Amino acid sequence: MGLIARELESDGISTVTLNLYLEIAQLVLPPRTVSVNFPFGAPFGDPNNKKLQLQVIKESLKMLEETEEKGKIKILNYDWREKIK
């Protein structure tokens, strides 16, 4: 995904990637990365936890809007299986 993001950025299209493995993001260094410690199949958080999912989406869009530095990684410290409120 990081290689695709770099290609899109070279064409003037801003990107942010959502990564489940911080180590991979650090190796590939996409232009902007949000890293979460969630399992495959649920990159935005727990199923049916709309509040958490929306937080991850908002953080990703905020990074896209505010970060111009290439290779920036933002680590989100949300817990998997948070209580649904």
N, C-alpha and C. Protein backbone atom coordinates (compact mmCIF):
# COMPACT_ATOMS: atom_id res chain seq x y z
N MET A 1 0.81 -1.19 0.00
CA MET A 1 0.00 0.00 0.00
C MET A 1 0.85 1.25 0.00
N GLY A 2 1.97 1.21 0.71
CA GLY A 2 2.84 2.37 0.78
C GLY A 2 3.41 2.78 -0.56
N LEU A 3 3.72 1.78 -1.38
CA LEU A 3 4.26 2.08 -2.71
C LEU A 3 3.20 2.74 -3.59
N ILE A 4 1.97 2.29 -3.48
CA ILE A 4 0.87 2.89 -4.23
C ILE A 4 0.65 4.32 -3.76
N ALA A 5 0.70 4.52 -2.44
CA ALA A 5 0.51 5.86 -1.88
C ALA A 5 1.58 6.82 -2.39
N ARG A 6 2.81 6.37 -2.45
CA ARG A 6 3.89 7.24 -2.96
C ARG A 6 3.66 7.59 -4.42
N GLU A 7 3.20 6.64 -5.21
CA GLU A 7 2.90 6.90 -6.63
C GLU A 7 1.79 7.92 -6.76
N LEU A 8 0.71 7.76 -5.99
CA LEU A 8 -0.39 8.72 -6.02
C LEU A 8 0.08 10.11 -5.61
N GLU A 9 0.92 10.18 -4.59
CA GLU A 9 1.44 11.46 -4.13
C GLU A 9 2.27 12.13 -5.22
N SER A 10 3.02 11.35 -5.98
CA SER A 10 3.83 11.94 -7.06
C SER A 10 2.95 12.52 -8.16
N ASP A 11 1.68 12.08 -8.23
CA ASP A 11 0.72 12.63 -9.19
C ASP A 11 -0.12 13.75 -8.58
N GLY A 12 0.24 14.16 -7.34
CA GLY A 12 -0.45 15.27 -6.70
C GLY A 12 -1.68 14.89 -5.90
N ILE A 13 -1.86 13.60 -5.64
CA ILE A 13 -3.01 13.14 -4.86
C ILE A 13 -2.54 12.82 -3.44
N SER A 14 -3.04 13.53 -2.46
CA SER A 14 -2.64 13.31 -1.07
C SER A 14 -3.22 11.99 -0.56
N THR A 15 -2.43 11.29 0.25
CA THR A 15 -2.86 9.99 0.77
C THR A 15 -2.54 9.86 2.26
N VAL A 16 -3.26 8.98 2.91
CA VAL A 16 -2.93 8.51 4.25
C VAL A 16 -3.25 7.02 4.26
N THR A 17 -2.34 6.22 4.78
CA THR A 17 -2.58 4.79 4.85
C THR A 17 -2.86 4.39 6.29
N LEU A 18 -3.64 3.35 6.46
CA LEU A 18 -3.95 2.79 7.76
C LEU A 18 -3.18 1.49 7.86
N ASN A 19 -2.30 1.38 8.85
CA ASN A 19 -1.40 0.24 8.93
C ASN A 19 -1.61 -0.51 10.24
N LEU A 20 -1.63 -1.84 10.16
CA LEU A 20 -1.83 -2.68 11.33
C LEU A 20 -0.51 -3.13 11.95
N TYR A 21 0.59 -3.00 11.24
CA TYR A 21 1.90 -3.38 11.74
C TYR A 21 2.85 -2.21 11.65
N LEU A 22 3.18 -1.64 12.80
CA LEU A 22 4.06 -0.48 12.85
C LEU A 22 5.41 -0.76 12.19
N GLU A 23 5.93 -1.96 12.38
CA GLU A 23 7.24 -2.31 11.82
C GLU A 23 7.24 -2.21 10.30
N ILE A 24 6.15 -2.62 9.67
CA ILE A 24 6.05 -2.55 8.21
C ILE A 24 5.98 -1.09 7.76
N ALA A 25 5.20 -0.29 8.47
CA ALA A 25 5.10 1.13 8.13
C ALA A 25 6.47 1.81 8.24
N GLN A 26 7.25 1.43 9.24
CA GLN A 26 8.57 2.02 9.42
C GLN A 26 9.54 1.60 8.32
N LEU A 27 9.35 0.43 7.75
CA LEU A 27 10.20 -0.03 6.66
C LEU A 27 9.82 0.61 5.33
N VAL A 28 8.52 0.65 5.05
CA VAL A 28 8.04 1.13 3.75
C VAL A 28 7.95 2.65 3.71
N LEU A 29 7.63 3.28 4.82
CA LEU A 29 7.47 4.73 4.95
C LEU A 29 6.57 5.34 3.88
N PRO A 30 5.29 5.01 3.91
CA PRO A 30 4.36 5.70 3.02
C PRO A 30 4.34 7.19 3.38
N PRO A 31 3.80 8.03 2.53
CA PRO A 31 3.81 9.48 2.81
C PRO A 31 3.22 9.84 4.17
N ARG A 32 2.09 9.28 4.53
CA ARG A 32 1.44 9.51 5.83
C ARG A 32 0.81 8.20 6.26
N THR A 33 1.06 7.82 7.51
CA THR A 33 0.53 6.55 8.00
C THR A 33 -0.10 6.73 9.37
N VAL A 34 -1.26 6.12 9.55
CA VAL A 34 -1.88 5.98 10.86
C VAL A 34 -1.73 4.51 11.22
N SER A 35 -1.12 4.26 12.37
CA SER A 35 -0.87 2.89 12.81
C SER A 35 -1.80 2.55 13.97
N VAL A 36 -2.48 1.42 13.85
CA VAL A 36 -3.37 0.93 14.91
C VAL A 36 -2.97 -0.49 15.28
N ASN A 37 -3.20 -0.87 16.51
CA ASN A 37 -2.87 -2.21 16.96
C ASN A 37 -4.15 -3.05 17.02
N PHE A 38 -4.75 -3.23 15.85
CA PHE A 38 -5.98 -4.00 15.72
C PHE A 38 -5.68 -5.22 14.84
N PRO A 39 -6.49 -6.27 14.94
CA PRO A 39 -6.26 -7.46 14.11
C PRO A 39 -6.71 -7.24 12.66
N PHE A 40 -6.19 -8.10 11.78
CA PHE A 40 -6.63 -8.05 10.39
C PHE A 40 -8.14 -8.23 10.32
N GLY A 41 -8.75 -7.53 9.41
CA GLY A 41 -10.18 -7.62 9.23
C GLY A 41 -10.96 -6.55 9.98
N ALA A 42 -10.27 -5.84 10.87
CA ALA A 42 -10.95 -4.79 11.64
C ALA A 42 -10.02 -3.59 11.83
N PRO A 43 -9.54 -3.00 10.74
CA PRO A 43 -8.56 -1.90 10.87
C PRO A 43 -9.13 -0.64 11.51
N PHE A 44 -10.44 -0.51 11.57
CA PHE A 44 -11.04 0.68 12.17
C PHE A 44 -11.52 0.43 13.58
N GLY A 45 -11.37 -0.80 14.09
CA GLY A 45 -11.75 -1.10 15.47
C GLY A 45 -12.76 -2.21 15.58
N ASP A 46 -13.24 -2.36 16.79
CA ASP A 46 -14.17 -3.44 17.13
C ASP A 46 -15.42 -3.40 16.26
N PRO A 47 -15.93 -4.56 15.86
CA PRO A 47 -17.21 -4.60 15.15
C PRO A 47 -18.31 -3.96 16.00
N ASN A 48 -19.16 -3.19 15.36
CA ASN A 48 -20.30 -2.53 16.00
C ASN A 48 -19.92 -1.41 16.96
N ASN A 49 -18.64 -1.08 17.07
CA ASN A 49 -18.22 0.02 17.94
C ASN A 49 -18.06 1.27 17.07
N LYS A 50 -19.19 1.86 16.73
CA LYS A 50 -19.19 3.00 15.81
C LYS A 50 -18.38 4.18 16.34
N LYS A 51 -18.41 4.38 17.64
CA LYS A 51 -17.67 5.49 18.23
C LYS A 51 -16.17 5.34 17.97
N LEU A 52 -15.62 4.17 18.23
CA LEU A 52 -14.20 3.92 18.01
C LEU A 52 -13.87 4.01 16.52
N GLN A 53 -14.70 3.41 15.68
CA GLN A 53 -14.45 3.44 14.24
C GLN A 53 -14.42 4.87 13.72
N LEU A 54 -15.34 5.68 14.19
CA LEU A 54 -15.39 7.08 13.77
C LEU A 54 -14.16 7.84 14.26
N GLN A 55 -13.67 7.52 15.45
CA GLN A 55 -12.47 8.17 15.97
C GLN A 55 -11.26 7.86 15.07
N VAL A 56 -11.12 6.61 14.65
CA VAL A 56 -10.01 6.22 13.79
C VAL A 56 -10.12 6.95 12.44
N ILE A 57 -11.31 7.02 11.89
CA ILE A 57 -11.51 7.72 10.62
C ILE A 57 -11.18 9.20 10.77
N LYS A 58 -11.66 9.83 11.84
CA LYS A 58 -11.39 11.25 12.06
C LYS A 58 -9.89 11.52 12.24
N GLU A 59 -9.21 10.66 13.00
CA GLU A 59 -7.76 10.82 13.19
C GLU A 59 -7.02 10.70 11.85
N SER A 60 -7.47 9.78 11.01
CA SER A 60 -6.84 9.59 9.70
C SER A 60 -7.05 10.82 8.82
N LEU A 61 -8.26 11.33 8.78
CA LEU A 61 -8.54 12.52 7.97
C LEU A 61 -7.82 13.75 8.51
N LYS A 62 -7.72 13.85 9.83
CA LYS A 62 -7.00 14.96 10.44
C LYS A 62 -5.53 14.92 10.04
N MET A 63 -4.95 13.73 10.03
CA MET A 63 -3.55 13.61 9.63
C MET A 63 -3.37 14.00 8.17
N LEU A 64 -4.30 13.58 7.35
CA LEU A 64 -4.25 13.93 5.93
C LEU A 64 -4.29 15.44 5.75
N GLU A 65 -5.12 16.09 6.53
CA GLU A 65 -5.29 17.53 6.42
C GLU A 65 -4.10 18.32 6.99
N GLU A 66 -3.52 17.85 8.09
CA GLU A 66 -2.53 18.64 8.81
C GLU A 66 -1.07 18.28 8.54
N THR A 67 -0.79 17.13 7.97
CA THR A 67 0.59 16.67 7.85
C THR A 67 1.10 16.77 6.42
N GLU A 68 2.15 17.55 6.25
CA GLU A 68 2.77 17.65 4.93
C GLU A 68 4.10 16.91 4.89
N GLU A 69 4.65 16.62 6.07
CA GLU A 69 5.92 15.93 6.17
C GLU A 69 5.78 14.49 5.66
N LYS A 70 6.57 14.13 4.67
CA LYS A 70 6.51 12.78 4.11
C LYS A 70 7.12 11.77 5.07
N GLY A 71 6.52 10.59 5.14
CA GLY A 71 7.03 9.53 5.99
C GLY A 71 6.57 9.61 7.43
N LYS A 72 5.66 10.50 7.73
CA LYS A 72 5.16 10.69 9.09
C LYS A 72 4.27 9.52 9.50
N ILE A 73 4.47 9.01 10.70
CA ILE A 73 3.67 7.91 11.25
C ILE A 73 3.01 8.39 12.54
N LYS A 74 1.71 8.26 12.61
CA LYS A 74 0.96 8.61 13.82
C LYS A 74 0.43 7.31 14.42
N ILE A 75 0.77 7.05 15.67
CA ILE A 75 0.34 5.83 16.34
C ILE A 75 -0.90 6.14 17.17
N LEU A 76 -1.97 5.43 16.89
CA LEU A 76 -3.20 5.58 17.67
C LEU A 76 -3.21 4.52 18.76
N ASN A 77 -3.39 4.94 19.98
CA ASN A 77 -3.32 4.02 21.13
C ASN A 77 -4.70 3.59 21.62
N TYR A 78 -5.57 3.28 20.69
CA TYR A 78 -6.88 2.76 21.07
C TYR A 78 -6.75 1.27 21.36
N ASP A 79 -7.58 0.80 22.28
CA ASP A 79 -7.56 -0.61 22.66
C ASP A 79 -8.58 -1.40 21.85
N TRP A 80 -8.16 -2.58 21.43
CA TRP A 80 -9.08 -3.51 20.77
C TRP A 80 -10.07 -4.00 21.81
N ARG A 81 -11.31 -4.12 21.42
CA ARG A 81 -12.40 -4.56 22.26
C ARG A 81 -12.70 -3.56 23.38
N GLU A 82 -12.72 -2.28 22.98
CA GLU A 82 -13.14 -1.26 23.94
C GLU A 82 -14.62 -1.43 24.22
N LYS A 83 -15.04 -0.99 25.38
CA LYS A 83 -16.46 -1.06 25.73
C LYS A 83 -17.25 -0.14 24.83
N ILE A 84 -18.35 -0.63 24.32
CA ILE A 84 -19.22 0.16 23.47
C ILE A 84 -20.09 1.03 24.36
N LYS A 85 -20.07 2.32 24.09
CA LYS A 85 -20.86 3.26 24.90
C LYS A 85 -22.04 3.78 24.15
